[in-house]
Amino acid sequence: MTEGTKKFLWGLAAGFAAAAFIKTDTFKKATAKIVAGGLQLKDDAKEYFETIKEDAEDVKAEKNA
């Protein structure tokens, strides 16, 4: 068996293992948790930058008053 054939078979086995793992409930729950965390982080960042924007507008208004 050549080295290339061995690598191909290992890759094929890894692909089948990954496909089987992706179908498990554990993987689906972990993926959902990661996505939810990312969405929460996005919302928190948006809120934080909105606060900064409002503060900057207040400073500008006070400067022009």
C-alpha atoms as a PDB file:
ATOM      1  CA  MET A   1       0.000   0.000   0.000  1.00  0.00           C
ATOM      2  CA  THR A   2       1.499   3.350  -0.999  1.00  0.00           C
ATOM      3  CA  GLU A   3       1.835   6.352   1.279  1.00  0.00           C
ATOM      4  CA  GLY A   4      -0.708   8.269  -0.796  1.00  0.00           C
ATOM      5  CA  THR A   5      -3.248   5.469  -0.439  1.00  0.00           C
ATOM      6  CA  LYS A   6      -2.758   5.386   3.331  1.00  0.00           C
ATOM      7  CA  LYS A   7      -3.302   9.145   3.560  1.00  0.00           C
ATOM      8  CA  PHE A   8      -6.415   8.876   1.408  1.00  0.00           C
ATOM      9  CA  LEU A   9      -7.865   6.115   3.605  1.00  0.00           C
ATOM     10  CA  TRP A  10      -7.085   8.080   6.790  1.00  0.00           C
ATOM     11  CA  GLY A  11      -8.783  11.116   5.257  1.00  0.00           C
ATOM     12  CA  LEU A  12     -11.773   9.039   4.260  1.00  0.00           C
ATOM     13  CA  ALA A  13     -12.053   7.597   7.783  1.00  0.00           C
ATOM     14  CA  ALA A  14     -11.745  11.083   9.296  1.00  0.00           C
ATOM     15  CA  GLY A  15     -14.471  12.330   6.957  1.00  0.00           C
ATOM     16  CA  PHE A  16     -16.846   9.550   7.958  1.00  0.00           C
ATOM     17  CA  ALA A  17     -16.102  10.148  11.644  1.00  0.00           C
ATOM     18  CA  ALA A  18     -16.747  13.889  11.246  1.00  0.00           C
ATOM     19  CA  ALA A  19     -19.998  13.235   9.369  1.00  0.00           C
ATOM     20  CA  ALA A  20     -21.179  10.905  12.128  1.00  0.00           C
ATOM     21  CA  PHE A  21     -20.223  13.420  14.830  1.00  0.00           C
ATOM     22  CA  ILE A  22     -22.039  16.284  13.090  1.00  0.00           C
ATOM     23  CA  LYS A  23     -25.292  14.327  13.275  1.00  0.00           C
ATOM     24  CA  THR A  24     -25.161  13.908  17.076  1.00  0.00           C
ATOM     25  CA  ASP A  25     -27.297  15.912  19.485  1.00  0.00           C
ATOM     26  CA  THR A  26     -24.178  16.947  21.383  1.00  0.00           C
ATOM     27  CA  PHE A  27     -22.754  18.642  18.309  1.00  0.00           C
ATOM     28  CA  LYS A  28     -26.056  20.328  17.490  1.00  0.00           C
ATOM     29  CA  LYS A  29     -26.450  21.642  21.049  1.00  0.00           C
ATOM     30  CA  ALA A  30     -22.867  22.897  21.138  1.00  0.00           C
ATOM     31  CA  THR A  31     -23.293  24.616  17.782  1.00  0.00           C
ATOM     32  CA  ALA A  32     -26.518  26.269  18.927  1.00  0.00           C
ATOM     33  CA  LYS A  33     -24.806  27.468  22.100  1.00  0.00           C
ATOM     34  CA  ILE A  34     -21.896  28.942  20.135  1.00  0.00           C
ATOM     35  CA  VAL A  35     -24.229  30.721  17.702  1.00  0.00           C
ATOM     36  CA  ALA A  36     -26.336  32.079  20.570  1.00  0.00           C
ATOM     37  CA  GLY A  37     -23.184  33.340  22.280  1.00  0.00           C
ATOM     38  CA  GLY A  38     -22.071  35.036  19.082  1.00  0.00           C
ATOM     39  CA  LEU A  39     -25.432  36.735  18.659  1.00  0.00           C
ATOM     40  CA  GLN A  40     -25.357  37.900  22.285  1.00  0.00           C
ATOM     41  CA  LEU A  41     -21.849  39.285  21.778  1.00  0.00           C
ATOM     42  CA  LYS A  42     -23.030  41.135  18.672  1.00  0.00           C
ATOM     43  CA  ASP A  43     -25.964  42.642  20.570  1.00  0.00           C
ATOM     44  CA  ASP A  44     -23.724  43.677  23.470  1.00  0.00           C
ATOM     45  CA  ALA A  45     -21.226  45.306  21.118  1.00  0.00           C
ATOM     46  CA  LYS A  46     -24.001  47.141  19.280  1.00  0.00           C
ATOM     47  CA  GLU A  47     -25.379  48.457  22.569  1.00  0.00           C
ATOM     48  CA  TYR A  48     -21.901  49.502  23.735  1.00  0.00           C
ATOM     49  CA  PHE A  49     -21.156  51.418  20.530  1.00  0.00           C
ATOM     50  CA  GLU A  50     -24.584  53.054  20.626  1.00  0.00           C
ATOM     51  CA  THR A  51     -23.755  54.333  24.117  1.00  0.00           C
ATOM     52  CA  ILE A  52     -20.425  55.690  22.871  1.00  0.00           C
ATOM     53  CA  LYS A  53     -22.195  57.398  19.960  1.00  0.00           C
ATOM     54  CA  GLU A  54     -24.728  59.017  22.291  1.00  0.00           C
ATOM     55  CA  ASP A  55     -21.972  60.225  24.618  1.00  0.00           C
ATOM     56  CA  ALA A  56     -20.051  61.705  21.687  1.00  0.00           C
ATOM     57  CA  GLU A  57     -23.188  63.485  20.477  1.00  0.00           C
ATOM     58  CA  ASP A  58     -23.730  64.902  23.976  1.00  0.00           C
ATOM     59  CA  VAL A  59     -20.158  66.197  24.099  1.00  0.00           C
ATOM     60  CA  LYS A  60     -20.574  67.763  20.670  1.00  0.00           C
ATOM     61  CA  ALA A  61     -23.864  69.415  21.664  1.00  0.00           C
ATOM     62  CA  GLU A  62     -22.320  70.823  24.853  1.00  0.00           C
ATOM     63  CA  LYS A  63     -19.358  72.142  22.889  1.00  0.00           C
ATOM     64  CA  ASN A  64     -21.617  73.903  20.354  1.00  0.00           C
ATOM     65  CA  ALA A  65     -23.938  75.345  23.031  1.00  0.00           C
END
